[in-house]
Every structure is written in C-alpha cells, then in structure tokens.
Amino acid sequence: MGSPTSQSDAGRHARTSRVSHREPAANLTRRVYEQLRESIVGLKLSPGVPISEMDLCRRLGASRTPVHEAICRLQRDGLLTMARVGPKPRLVVAPLTADDMRQLFLMVGALDGVAARLAAQLEAPARLALVERLERFNGELRQFSQDPEVLGSLRVEQLDKSFHRTYEAAASAPQLSAELEALHARRERYVRVYTEALVHAHNLRESVAEHDAIVAALRAGDADAAEQRAAFNHRNGLQRFTRALEANGERGSWF
C-alpha cells in the first residue's frame, strides 16, 4: 500500500486537454466530468489521493463552476468521497475496499441479470445474432484460459466487459443502462487492479463456463435462466475478486 499521490500530481494526471471557456456550459461540465472520471477509473488518480478543486481548475484550464459540478457528480457516482486526511476532512478519490467491492458486485449482478432477462425476450433473429457476438467474445476468453501467454490481463478485462455490455445494450432499457453505467465505473477500478491476480491464479475457466451458461439461456430464450445465470456469474466473480483483494490488499484506505 503506497502513499498518496500529491495534489499537483493529481491535477497533472487529470489533464488530458485544456478545456475551452467558449464551450456551452453543459458541454464544458460534461467534458470536465468525463476527463476526471476516466482519470479515476483508469487509475491515473490513485485511490485515496486528495483532490483540490482549485488545482483541478488550474490544470484543466476550466473555471470553478464546471469543475465543482463535475466533482459533485463524481461524489454521487461514488468515485470521490470525503475522508479525514490529517486534522480535517478532505475530498479524496474513493478507496478500494472489500466492503465496497462486495456491494458493487452484488448490485451490478442484480441489474446485469435484469438485462439478461430482457435480452432473452428478444425476437429469435435478434437474439441469435446477439448469441453469435457473445460466443466470439467468450471464445477468445476460452483461448486465453487455456494458454495464459496468448493475451494480457487488460485484454481479458476488455473481453469480459464487452461480453456483458453487449447483452446489456441489446436489452434496450435506457434507465437500466444509466444505472449500470454509474456502477460499472466504480466496479471497473477493482477489475483493473485485481484482474492480473486472477489471471495468474488461473481463475478464468470458471468465468468462461459461467458465460457459456448465460449464452445457452439466451439461445433458448429462457428469461428466468438468463437472469439467474448472469447474477450467478457476478456472485462467483465477487468470490474470485475477494480472494485476489485479500492476497493483494485494499488500496487507498490508509486514512
């Protein structure tokens, strides 16, 4: 467990391009939000690092209002939080903890199961086309599970994400998608940190088999089974990631 990144480093990592003050206010706020969100999810801003609003304004070249609004939204998303750092509470990047991970995996699993249920109710042509796409993603994951030298952990993460996001998108449920999007951002940080440990522990075969069960339910148009198997995949994924977290430690929880 390392020490927090400095505030200046936080601002430097958050900067991808200087935003323009000539943009409409809504666009400017969205751009600042997306830049900060990607820096947090991509671990350029480390869990537990203190965040300075004024430093972010300077680094992003943005006024205080869009930065403040972006920070408030990231707090609602659970990516920023208040913690006692020294003598008083400070805004920090949310730490990675076992309790938080457990809640996230269970919530995402429940909603992902709903998406699988809706996807299983698609008309046969659309459902079978969806199954073909899912089989391609899982086929590549299966290849990797048999030969760990073929891919890297980042590719494993991308394939697993693509597998689930594909049937979530096919469900065509805007409100469900919005809820999942916010949760995915928080969950993705755990995936990025601990997937490599899972790869080395050869835990991918279990996930591939669980994906096969989801695909089989979708192919059959069995909504109950699709929902159950998707949720089951996330519950088992929680157990696998919990083992990886216990072996490698929480991040950013030194305060």
C-alpha atoms as a PDB file:
ATOM      1  CA  MET A   1       0.000   0.000   0.000  1.00  0.00           C
ATOM      2  CA  GLY A   2       1.713   3.171  -1.135  1.00  0.00           C
ATOM      3  CA  SER A   3       1.497   6.777  -0.058  1.00  0.00           C
ATOM      4  CA  PRO A   4      -1.000   9.204  -1.639  1.00  0.00           C
ATOM      5  CA  THR A   5      -0.108  10.981  -4.851  1.00  0.00           C
ATOM      6  CA  SER A   6       0.491  14.724  -4.371  1.00  0.00           C
ATOM      7  CA  GLN A   7      -2.227  17.204  -5.285  1.00  0.00           C
ATOM      8  CA  SER A   8      -0.119  18.554  -8.145  1.00  0.00           C
ATOM      9  CA  ASP A   9       0.282  15.033  -9.497  1.00  0.00           C
ATOM     10  CA  ALA A  10      -3.478  14.558  -9.223  1.00  0.00           C
ATOM     11  CA  GLY A  11      -4.085  17.634 -11.331  1.00  0.00           C
ATOM     12  CA  ARG A  12      -1.422  16.633 -13.846  1.00  0.00           C
ATOM     13  CA  HIS A  13      -2.875  13.161 -14.296  1.00  0.00           C
ATOM     14  CA  ALA A  14      -6.401  14.549 -14.645  1.00  0.00           C
ATOM     15  CA  ARG A  15      -5.358  16.804 -17.515  1.00  0.00           C
ATOM     16  CA  THR A  16      -5.937  15.291 -20.955  1.00  0.00           C
ATOM     17  CA  SER A  17      -6.520  18.575 -22.783  1.00  0.00           C
ATOM     18  CA  ARG A  18      -7.270  22.116 -21.706  1.00  0.00           C
ATOM     19  CA  VAL A  19     -10.977  22.760 -21.951  1.00  0.00           C
ATOM     20  CA  SER A  20     -12.328  25.791 -23.763  1.00  0.00           C
ATOM     21  CA  HIS A  21     -14.254  28.512 -21.934  1.00  0.00           C
ATOM     22  CA  ARG A  22     -16.152  29.195 -25.173  1.00  0.00           C
ATOM     23  CA  GLU A  23     -17.995  25.899 -24.966  1.00  0.00           C
ATOM     24  CA  PRO A  24     -21.617  25.887 -23.781  1.00  0.00           C
ATOM     25  CA  ALA A  25     -21.735  25.455 -20.006  1.00  0.00           C
ATOM     26  CA  ALA A  26     -23.343  21.984 -20.165  1.00  0.00           C
ATOM     27  CA  ASN A  27     -20.738  20.725 -22.633  1.00  0.00           C
ATOM     28  CA  LEU A  28     -17.906  22.141 -20.545  1.00  0.00           C
ATOM     29  CA  THR A  29     -19.183  20.481 -17.363  1.00  0.00           C
ATOM     30  CA  ARG A  30     -19.618  17.164 -19.187  1.00  0.00           C
ATOM     31  CA  ARG A  31     -16.107  17.308 -20.609  1.00  0.00           C
ATOM     32  CA  VAL A  32     -14.539  18.085 -17.236  1.00  0.00           C
ATOM     33  CA  TYR A  33     -16.580  15.280 -15.673  1.00  0.00           C
ATOM     34  CA  GLU A  34     -15.536  12.773 -18.330  1.00  0.00           C
ATOM     35  CA  GLN A  35     -11.854  13.705 -18.035  1.00  0.00           C
ATOM     36  CA  LEU A  36     -11.882  13.329 -14.262  1.00  0.00           C
ATOM     37  CA  ARG A  37     -13.963  10.141 -14.394  1.00  0.00           C
ATOM     38  CA  GLU A  38     -11.578   8.489 -16.846  1.00  0.00           C
ATOM     39  CA  SER A  39      -8.589   9.513 -14.737  1.00  0.00           C
ATOM     40  CA  ILE A  40     -10.182   7.879 -11.683  1.00  0.00           C
ATOM     41  CA  VAL A  41     -11.477   4.737 -13.395  1.00  0.00           C
ATOM     42  CA  GLY A  42      -8.204   4.357 -15.301  1.00  0.00           C
ATOM     43  CA  LEU A  43      -6.275   4.646 -12.003  1.00  0.00           C
ATOM     44  CA  LYS A  44      -4.316   7.694 -13.166  1.00  0.00           C
ATOM     45  CA  LEU A  45      -5.713   9.226  -9.997  1.00  0.00           C
ATOM     46  CA  SER A  46      -4.876   6.675  -7.325  1.00  0.00           C
ATOM     47  CA  PRO A  47      -7.416   5.530  -4.723  1.00  0.00           C
ATOM     48  CA  GLY A  48      -7.102   7.737  -1.640  1.00  0.00           C
ATOM     49  CA  VAL A  49      -5.318  10.662  -3.329  1.00  0.00           C
ATOM     50  CA  PRO A  50      -6.533  14.098  -2.043  1.00  0.00           C
ATOM     51  CA  ILE A  51      -8.343  16.268  -4.606  1.00  0.00           C
ATOM     52  CA  SER A  52      -8.044  20.065  -4.759  1.00  0.00           C
ATOM     53  CA  GLU A  53     -10.787  21.889  -6.649  1.00  0.00           C
ATOM     54  CA  MET A  54      -8.588  24.922  -7.319  1.00  0.00           C
ATOM     55  CA  ASP A  55      -5.716  22.744  -8.515  1.00  0.00           C
ATOM     56  CA  LEU A  56      -8.041  20.956 -10.933  1.00  0.00           C
ATOM     57  CA  CYS A  57      -9.298  24.308 -12.249  1.00  0.00           C
ATOM     58  CA  ARG A  58      -5.731  25.353 -12.983  1.00  0.00           C
ATOM     59  CA  ARG A  59      -4.680  22.047 -14.516  1.00  0.00           C
ATOM     60  CA  LEU A  60      -7.790  21.661 -16.668  1.00  0.00           C
ATOM     61  CA  GLY A  61      -7.932  25.316 -17.664  1.00  0.00           C
ATOM     62  CA  ALA A  62     -11.562  25.473 -16.546  1.00  0.00           C
ATOM     63  CA  SER A  63     -13.485  27.841 -14.298  1.00  0.00           C
ATOM     64  CA  ARG A  64     -14.615  26.780 -10.850  1.00  0.00           C
ATOM     65  CA  THR A  65     -18.274  26.159 -11.719  1.00  0.00           C
ATOM     66  CA  PRO A  66     -17.859  23.239 -14.180  1.00  0.00           C
ATOM     67  CA  VAL A  67     -15.139  21.680 -12.010  1.00  0.00           C
ATOM     68  CA  HIS A  68     -17.325  21.964  -8.902  1.00  0.00           C
ATOM     69  CA  GLU A  69     -20.321  20.463 -10.734  1.00  0.00           C
ATOM     70  CA  ALA A  70     -18.190  17.616 -12.085  1.00  0.00           C
ATOM     71  CA  ILE A  71     -16.846  16.906  -8.589  1.00  0.00           C
ATOM     72  CA  CYS A  72     -20.383  16.820  -7.156  1.00  0.00           C
ATOM     73  CA  ARG A  73     -21.438  14.338  -9.819  1.00  0.00           C
ATOM     74  CA  LEU A  74     -18.392  12.151  -9.153  1.00  0.00           C
ATOM     75  CA  GLN A  75     -19.300  12.160  -5.465  1.00  0.00           C
ATOM     76  CA  ARG A  76     -22.813  10.973  -6.364  1.00  0.00           C
ATOM     77  CA  ASP A  77     -21.220   8.264  -8.518  1.00  0.00           C
ATOM     78  CA  GLY A  78     -19.169   7.130  -5.528  1.00  0.00           C
ATOM     79  CA  LEU A  79     -15.821   7.841  -7.199  1.00  0.00           C
ATOM     80  CA  LEU A  80     -14.957  10.759  -4.879  1.00  0.00           C
ATOM     81  CA  THR A  81     -15.613  10.868  -1.157  1.00  0.00           C
ATOM     82  CA  MET A  82     -14.824  12.850   1.978  1.00  0.00           C
ATOM     83  CA  ALA A  83     -12.254  11.380   4.370  1.00  0.00           C
ATOM     84  CA  ARG A  84     -10.169  12.622   7.265  1.00  0.00           C
ATOM     85  CA  VAL A  85      -6.676  13.260   5.930  1.00  0.00           C
ATOM     86  CA  GLY A  86      -4.698  14.905   8.697  1.00  0.00           C
ATOM     87  CA  PRO A  87      -6.552  17.301  11.014  1.00  0.00           C
ATOM     88  CA  LYS A  88      -9.667  17.844   8.866  1.00  0.00           C
ATOM     89  CA  PRO A  89     -11.872  16.098   6.273  1.00  0.00           C
ATOM     90  CA  ARG A  90     -10.647  16.273   2.677  1.00  0.00           C
ATOM     91  CA  LEU A  91     -12.065  15.282  -0.687  1.00  0.00           C
ATOM     92  CA  VAL A  92     -10.267  12.161  -1.934  1.00  0.00           C
ATOM     93  CA  VAL A  93     -10.536   9.576  -4.669  1.00  0.00           C
ATOM     94  CA  ALA A  94     -12.658   6.796  -3.168  1.00  0.00           C
ATOM     95  CA  PRO A  95     -10.553   3.927  -1.796  1.00  0.00           C
ATOM     96  CA  LEU A  96     -10.854   0.323  -2.957  1.00  0.00           C
ATOM     97  CA  THR A  97     -12.169  -1.737  -0.046  1.00  0.00           C
ATOM     98  CA  ALA A  98     -13.576  -5.229   0.415  1.00  0.00           C
ATOM     99  CA  ASP A  99     -16.927  -3.910   1.691  1.00  0.00           C
ATOM    100  CA  ASP A 100     -17.384  -1.540  -1.235  1.00  0.00           C
ATOM    101  CA  MET A 101     -16.438  -4.233  -3.738  1.00  0.00           C
ATOM    102  CA  ARG A 102     -18.943  -6.668  -2.259  1.00  0.00           C
ATOM    103  CA  GLN A 103     -21.811  -4.185  -2.570  1.00  0.00           C
ATOM    104  CA  LEU A 104     -20.843  -3.226  -6.113  1.00  0.00           C
ATOM    105  CA  PHE A 105     -20.578  -6.759  -7.455  1.00  0.00           C
ATOM    106  CA  LEU A 106     -23.919  -7.737  -5.936  1.00  0.00           C
ATOM    107  CA  MET A 107     -25.697  -4.618  -7.254  1.00  0.00           C
ATOM    108  CA  VAL A 108     -24.185  -4.919 -10.726  1.00  0.00           C
ATOM    109  CA  GLY A 109     -25.033  -8.634 -10.753  1.00  0.00           C
ATOM    110  CA  ALA A 110     -28.685  -7.957  -9.937  1.00  0.00           C
ATOM    111  CA  LEU A 111     -29.062  -5.328 -12.665  1.00  0.00           C
ATOM    112  CA  ASP A 112     -27.000  -7.306 -15.162  1.00  0.00           C
ATOM    113  CA  GLY A 113     -29.380 -10.194 -14.529  1.00  0.00           C
ATOM    114  CA  VAL A 114     -32.324  -7.964 -15.424  1.00  0.00           C
ATOM    115  CA  ALA A 115     -30.557  -7.009 -18.656  1.00  0.00           C
ATOM    116  CA  ALA A 116     -30.011 -10.696 -19.470  1.00  0.00           C
ATOM    117  CA  ARG A 117     -33.696 -11.381 -18.834  1.00  0.00           C
ATOM    118  CA  LEU A 118     -34.732  -8.617 -21.233  1.00  0.00           C
ATOM    119  CA  ALA A 119     -32.228  -9.791 -23.854  1.00  0.00           C
ATOM    120  CA  ALA A 120     -33.637 -13.334 -23.625  1.00  0.00           C
ATOM    121  CA  GLN A 121     -37.045 -11.923 -24.554  1.00  0.00           C
ATOM    122  CA  LEU A 122     -35.833 -10.511 -27.871  1.00  0.00           C
ATOM    123  CA  GLU A 123     -37.260 -11.930 -31.084  1.00  0.00           C
ATOM    124  CA  ALA A 124     -35.357 -15.000 -32.261  1.00  0.00           C
ATOM    125  CA  PRO A 125     -33.355 -13.374 -35.111  1.00  0.00           C
ATOM    126  CA  ALA A 126     -32.043 -10.562 -32.911  1.00  0.00           C
ATOM    127  CA  ARG A 127     -31.439 -12.931 -30.009  1.00  0.00           C
ATOM    128  CA  LEU A 128     -29.459 -15.416 -32.105  1.00  0.00           C
ATOM    129  CA  ALA A 129     -27.370 -12.616 -33.650  1.00  0.00           C
ATOM    130  CA  LEU A 130     -26.624 -11.478 -30.086  1.00  0.00           C
ATOM    131  CA  VAL A 131     -25.603 -15.029 -29.135  1.00  0.00           C
ATOM    132  CA  GLU A 132     -23.127 -15.137 -32.023  1.00  0.00           C
ATOM    133  CA  ARG A 133     -21.425 -11.949 -30.813  1.00  0.00           C
ATOM    134  CA  LEU A 134     -21.265 -13.236 -27.251  1.00  0.00           C
ATOM    135  CA  GLU A 135     -19.751 -16.530 -28.376  1.00  0.00           C
ATOM    136  CA  ARG A 136     -16.943 -14.676 -30.153  1.00  0.00           C
ATOM    137  CA  PHE A 137     -16.017 -12.747 -27.011  1.00  0.00           C
ATOM    138  CA  ASN A 138     -16.194 -15.842 -24.822  1.00  0.00           C
ATOM    139  CA  GLY A 139     -14.296 -17.909 -27.372  1.00  0.00           C
ATOM    140  CA  GLU A 140     -11.343 -15.568 -27.091  1.00  0.00           C
ATOM    141  CA  LEU A 141     -11.564 -15.696 -23.303  1.00  0.00           C
ATOM    142  CA  ARG A 142     -11.594 -19.506 -23.507  1.00  0.00           C
ATOM    143  CA  GLN A 143      -8.456 -19.457 -25.639  1.00  0.00           C
ATOM    144  CA  PHE A 144      -6.735 -17.326 -23.041  1.00  0.00           C
ATOM    145  CA  SER A 145      -7.863 -19.537 -20.167  1.00  0.00           C
ATOM    146  CA  GLN A 146      -6.134 -22.465 -21.904  1.00  0.00           C
ATOM    147  CA  ASP A 147      -2.935 -20.561 -22.729  1.00  0.00           C
ATOM    148  CA  PRO A 148      -2.232 -17.559 -20.439  1.00  0.00           C
ATOM    149  CA  GLU A 149       0.588 -16.385 -22.703  1.00  0.00           C
ATOM    150  CA  VAL A 150      -1.818 -15.524 -25.524  1.00  0.00           C
ATOM    151  CA  LEU A 151      -3.229 -12.318 -24.042  1.00  0.00           C
ATOM    152  CA  GLY A 152      -2.627  -9.862 -21.210  1.00  0.00           C
ATOM    153  CA  SER A 153      -4.855  -9.014 -18.267  1.00  0.00           C
ATOM    154  CA  LEU A 154      -6.026  -5.810 -19.978  1.00  0.00           C
ATOM    155  CA  ARG A 155      -7.391  -7.820 -22.905  1.00  0.00           C
ATOM    156  CA  VAL A 156      -9.120 -10.183 -20.503  1.00  0.00           C
ATOM    157  CA  GLU A 157     -10.771  -7.191 -18.847  1.00  0.00           C
ATOM    158  CA  GLN A 158     -11.863  -5.805 -22.227  1.00  0.00           C
ATOM    159  CA  LEU A 159     -13.335  -9.115 -23.367  1.00  0.00           C
ATOM    160  CA  ASP A 160     -15.278  -9.675 -20.159  1.00  0.00           C
ATOM    161  CA  LYS A 161     -16.618  -6.121 -20.272  1.00  0.00           C
ATOM    162  CA  SER A 162     -17.607  -6.467 -23.924  1.00  0.00           C
ATOM    163  CA  PHE A 163     -19.409  -9.733 -23.185  1.00  0.00           C
ATOM    164  CA  HIS A 164     -21.650  -8.214 -20.528  1.00  0.00           C
ATOM    165  CA  ARG A 165     -22.086  -4.802 -22.135  1.00  0.00           C
ATOM    166  CA  THR A 166     -23.252  -6.439 -25.391  1.00  0.00           C
ATOM    167  CA  TYR A 167     -26.365  -8.035 -23.908  1.00  0.00           C
ATOM    168  CA  GLU A 168     -26.936  -5.086 -21.597  1.00  0.00           C
ATOM    169  CA  ALA A 169     -27.100  -2.845 -24.680  1.00  0.00           C
ATOM    170  CA  ALA A 170     -29.318  -5.345 -26.506  1.00  0.00           C
ATOM    171  CA  ALA A 171     -31.832  -5.127 -23.654  1.00  0.00           C
ATOM    172  CA  SER A 172     -32.651  -1.586 -24.888  1.00  0.00           C
ATOM    173  CA  ALA A 173     -33.589  -0.284 -21.442  1.00  0.00           C
ATOM    174  CA  PRO A 174     -32.326   3.311 -21.062  1.00  0.00           C
ATOM    175  CA  GLN A 175     -32.987   3.654 -17.323  1.00  0.00           C
ATOM    176  CA  LEU A 176     -31.338   0.311 -16.606  1.00  0.00           C
ATOM    177  CA  SER A 177     -28.357   1.283 -18.762  1.00  0.00           C
ATOM    178  CA  ALA A 178     -27.927   4.562 -16.876  1.00  0.00           C
ATOM    179  CA  GLU A 179     -27.899   2.775 -13.515  1.00  0.00           C
ATOM    180  CA  LEU A 180     -25.417   0.189 -14.757  1.00  0.00           C
ATOM    181  CA  GLU A 181     -23.132   2.819 -16.274  1.00  0.00           C
ATOM    182  CA  ALA A 182     -22.583   4.523 -12.918  1.00  0.00           C
ATOM    183  CA  LEU A 183     -21.991   1.228 -11.125  1.00  0.00           C
ATOM    184  CA  HIS A 184     -19.689  -0.094 -13.843  1.00  0.00           C
ATOM    185  CA  ALA A 185     -17.356   2.876 -13.393  1.00  0.00           C
ATOM    186  CA  ARG A 186     -16.859   2.052  -9.720  1.00  0.00           C
ATOM    187  CA  ARG A 187     -16.604  -1.686 -10.311  1.00  0.00           C
ATOM    188  CA  GLU A 188     -14.135  -1.251 -13.165  1.00  0.00           C
ATOM    189  CA  ARG A 189     -11.463   0.086 -10.818  1.00  0.00           C
ATOM    190  CA  TYR A 190     -11.492  -3.205  -8.917  1.00  0.00           C
ATOM    191  CA  VAL A 191     -11.367  -5.134 -12.170  1.00  0.00           C
ATOM    192  CA  ARG A 192      -8.345  -3.154 -13.397  1.00  0.00           C
ATOM    193  CA  VAL A 193      -6.413  -3.620 -10.169  1.00  0.00           C
ATOM    194  CA  TYR A 194      -7.137  -7.274  -9.448  1.00  0.00           C
ATOM    195  CA  THR A 195      -7.690  -8.969 -12.840  1.00  0.00           C
ATOM    196  CA  GLU A 196      -3.993  -9.702 -13.243  1.00  0.00           C
ATOM    197  CA  ALA A 197      -4.044 -11.636  -9.973  1.00  0.00           C
ATOM    198  CA  LEU A 198      -6.978 -13.699 -11.266  1.00  0.00           C
ATOM    199  CA  VAL A 199      -5.141 -14.451 -14.496  1.00  0.00           C
ATOM    200  CA  HIS A 200      -2.101 -15.735 -12.633  1.00  0.00           C
ATOM    201  CA  ALA A 201      -4.335 -17.815 -10.362  1.00  0.00           C
ATOM    202  CA  HIS A 202      -5.937 -19.457 -13.455  1.00  0.00           C
ATOM    203  CA  ASN A 203      -9.453 -18.499 -12.380  1.00  0.00           C
ATOM    204  CA  LEU A 204     -10.690 -17.663 -15.886  1.00  0.00           C
ATOM    205  CA  ARG A 205     -12.050 -21.096 -16.708  1.00  0.00           C
ATOM    206  CA  GLU A 206     -14.793 -20.715 -14.115  1.00  0.00           C
ATOM    207  CA  SER A 207     -15.893 -17.400 -15.616  1.00  0.00           C
ATOM    208  CA  VAL A 208     -15.832 -18.776 -19.168  1.00  0.00           C
ATOM    209  CA  ALA A 209     -18.070 -21.690 -18.105  1.00  0.00           C
ATOM    210  CA  GLU A 210     -20.480 -19.260 -16.423  1.00  0.00           C
ATOM    211  CA  HIS A 211     -20.586 -17.177 -19.604  1.00  0.00           C
ATOM    212  CA  ASP A 212     -21.413 -20.336 -21.561  1.00  0.00           C
ATOM    213  CA  ALA A 213     -24.413 -20.859 -19.283  1.00  0.00           C
ATOM    214  CA  ILE A 214     -25.625 -17.301 -19.925  1.00  0.00           C
ATOM    215  CA  VAL A 215     -25.272 -17.811 -23.676  1.00  0.00           C
ATOM    216  CA  ALA A 216     -27.177 -21.108 -23.530  1.00  0.00           C
ATOM    217  CA  ALA A 217     -30.069 -19.442 -21.704  1.00  0.00           C
ATOM    218  CA  LEU A 218     -30.167 -16.585 -24.204  1.00  0.00           C
ATOM    219  CA  ARG A 219     -30.087 -19.006 -27.123  1.00  0.00           C
ATOM    220  CA  ALA A 220     -33.062 -20.854 -25.656  1.00  0.00           C
ATOM    221  CA  GLY A 221     -34.918 -17.630 -24.919  1.00  0.00           C
ATOM    222  CA  ASP A 222     -35.195 -18.709 -21.265  1.00  0.00           C
ATOM    223  CA  ALA A 223     -35.553 -15.390 -19.412  1.00  0.00           C
ATOM    224  CA  ASP A 224     -35.547 -16.908 -15.910  1.00  0.00           C
ATOM    225  CA  ALA A 225     -32.371 -18.892 -16.537  1.00  0.00           C
ATOM    226  CA  ALA A 226     -30.633 -15.949 -18.238  1.00  0.00           C
ATOM    227  CA  GLU A 227     -31.269 -13.691 -15.249  1.00  0.00           C
ATOM    228  CA  GLN A 228     -30.199 -16.323 -12.731  1.00  0.00           C
ATOM    229  CA  ARG A 229     -27.023 -17.268 -14.563  1.00  0.00           C
ATOM    230  CA  ALA A 230     -25.938 -13.668 -15.110  1.00  0.00           C
ATOM    231  CA  ALA A 231     -26.388 -12.879 -11.408  1.00  0.00           C
ATOM    232  CA  PHE A 232     -24.610 -16.144 -10.531  1.00  0.00           C
ATOM    233  CA  ASN A 233     -21.625 -15.111 -12.681  1.00  0.00           C
ATOM    234  CA  HIS A 234     -21.274 -11.858 -10.723  1.00  0.00           C
ATOM    235  CA  ARG A 235     -21.661 -13.555  -7.335  1.00  0.00           C
ATOM    236  CA  ASN A 236     -18.949 -16.052  -8.232  1.00  0.00           C
ATOM    237  CA  GLY A 237     -16.875 -13.209  -9.671  1.00  0.00           C
ATOM    238  CA  LEU A 238     -17.147 -11.499  -6.289  1.00  0.00           C
ATOM    239  CA  GLN A 239     -15.650 -14.573  -4.607  1.00  0.00           C
ATOM    240  CA  ARG A 240     -12.784 -14.662  -7.110  1.00  0.00           C
ATOM    241  CA  PHE A 241     -12.035 -10.959  -6.757  1.00  0.00           C
ATOM    242  CA  THR A 242     -12.332 -11.152  -2.965  1.00  0.00           C
ATOM    243  CA  ARG A 243      -9.567 -13.754  -2.917  1.00  0.00           C
ATOM    244  CA  ALA A 244      -7.437 -11.507  -5.138  1.00  0.00           C
ATOM    245  CA  LEU A 245      -8.089  -8.469  -2.929  1.00  0.00           C
ATOM    246  CA  GLU A 246      -7.247 -10.400   0.241  1.00  0.00           C
ATOM    247  CA  ALA A 247      -3.963 -11.531  -1.329  1.00  0.00           C
ATOM    248  CA  ASN A 248      -3.022  -8.081  -2.655  1.00  0.00           C
ATOM    249  CA  GLY A 249      -4.614  -5.713  -0.128  1.00  0.00           C
ATOM    250  CA  GLU A 250      -7.028  -2.798  -0.211  1.00  0.00           C
ATOM    251  CA  ARG A 251      -5.979   0.420  -1.941  1.00  0.00           C
ATOM    252  CA  GLY A 252      -6.158   3.978  -0.661  1.00  0.00           C
ATOM    253  CA  SER A 253      -7.606   3.134   2.737  1.00  0.00           C
ATOM    254  CA  TRP A 254      -4.618   4.351   4.815  1.00  0.00           C
ATOM    255  CA  PHE A 255      -6.662   7.194   6.311  1.00  0.00           C
END
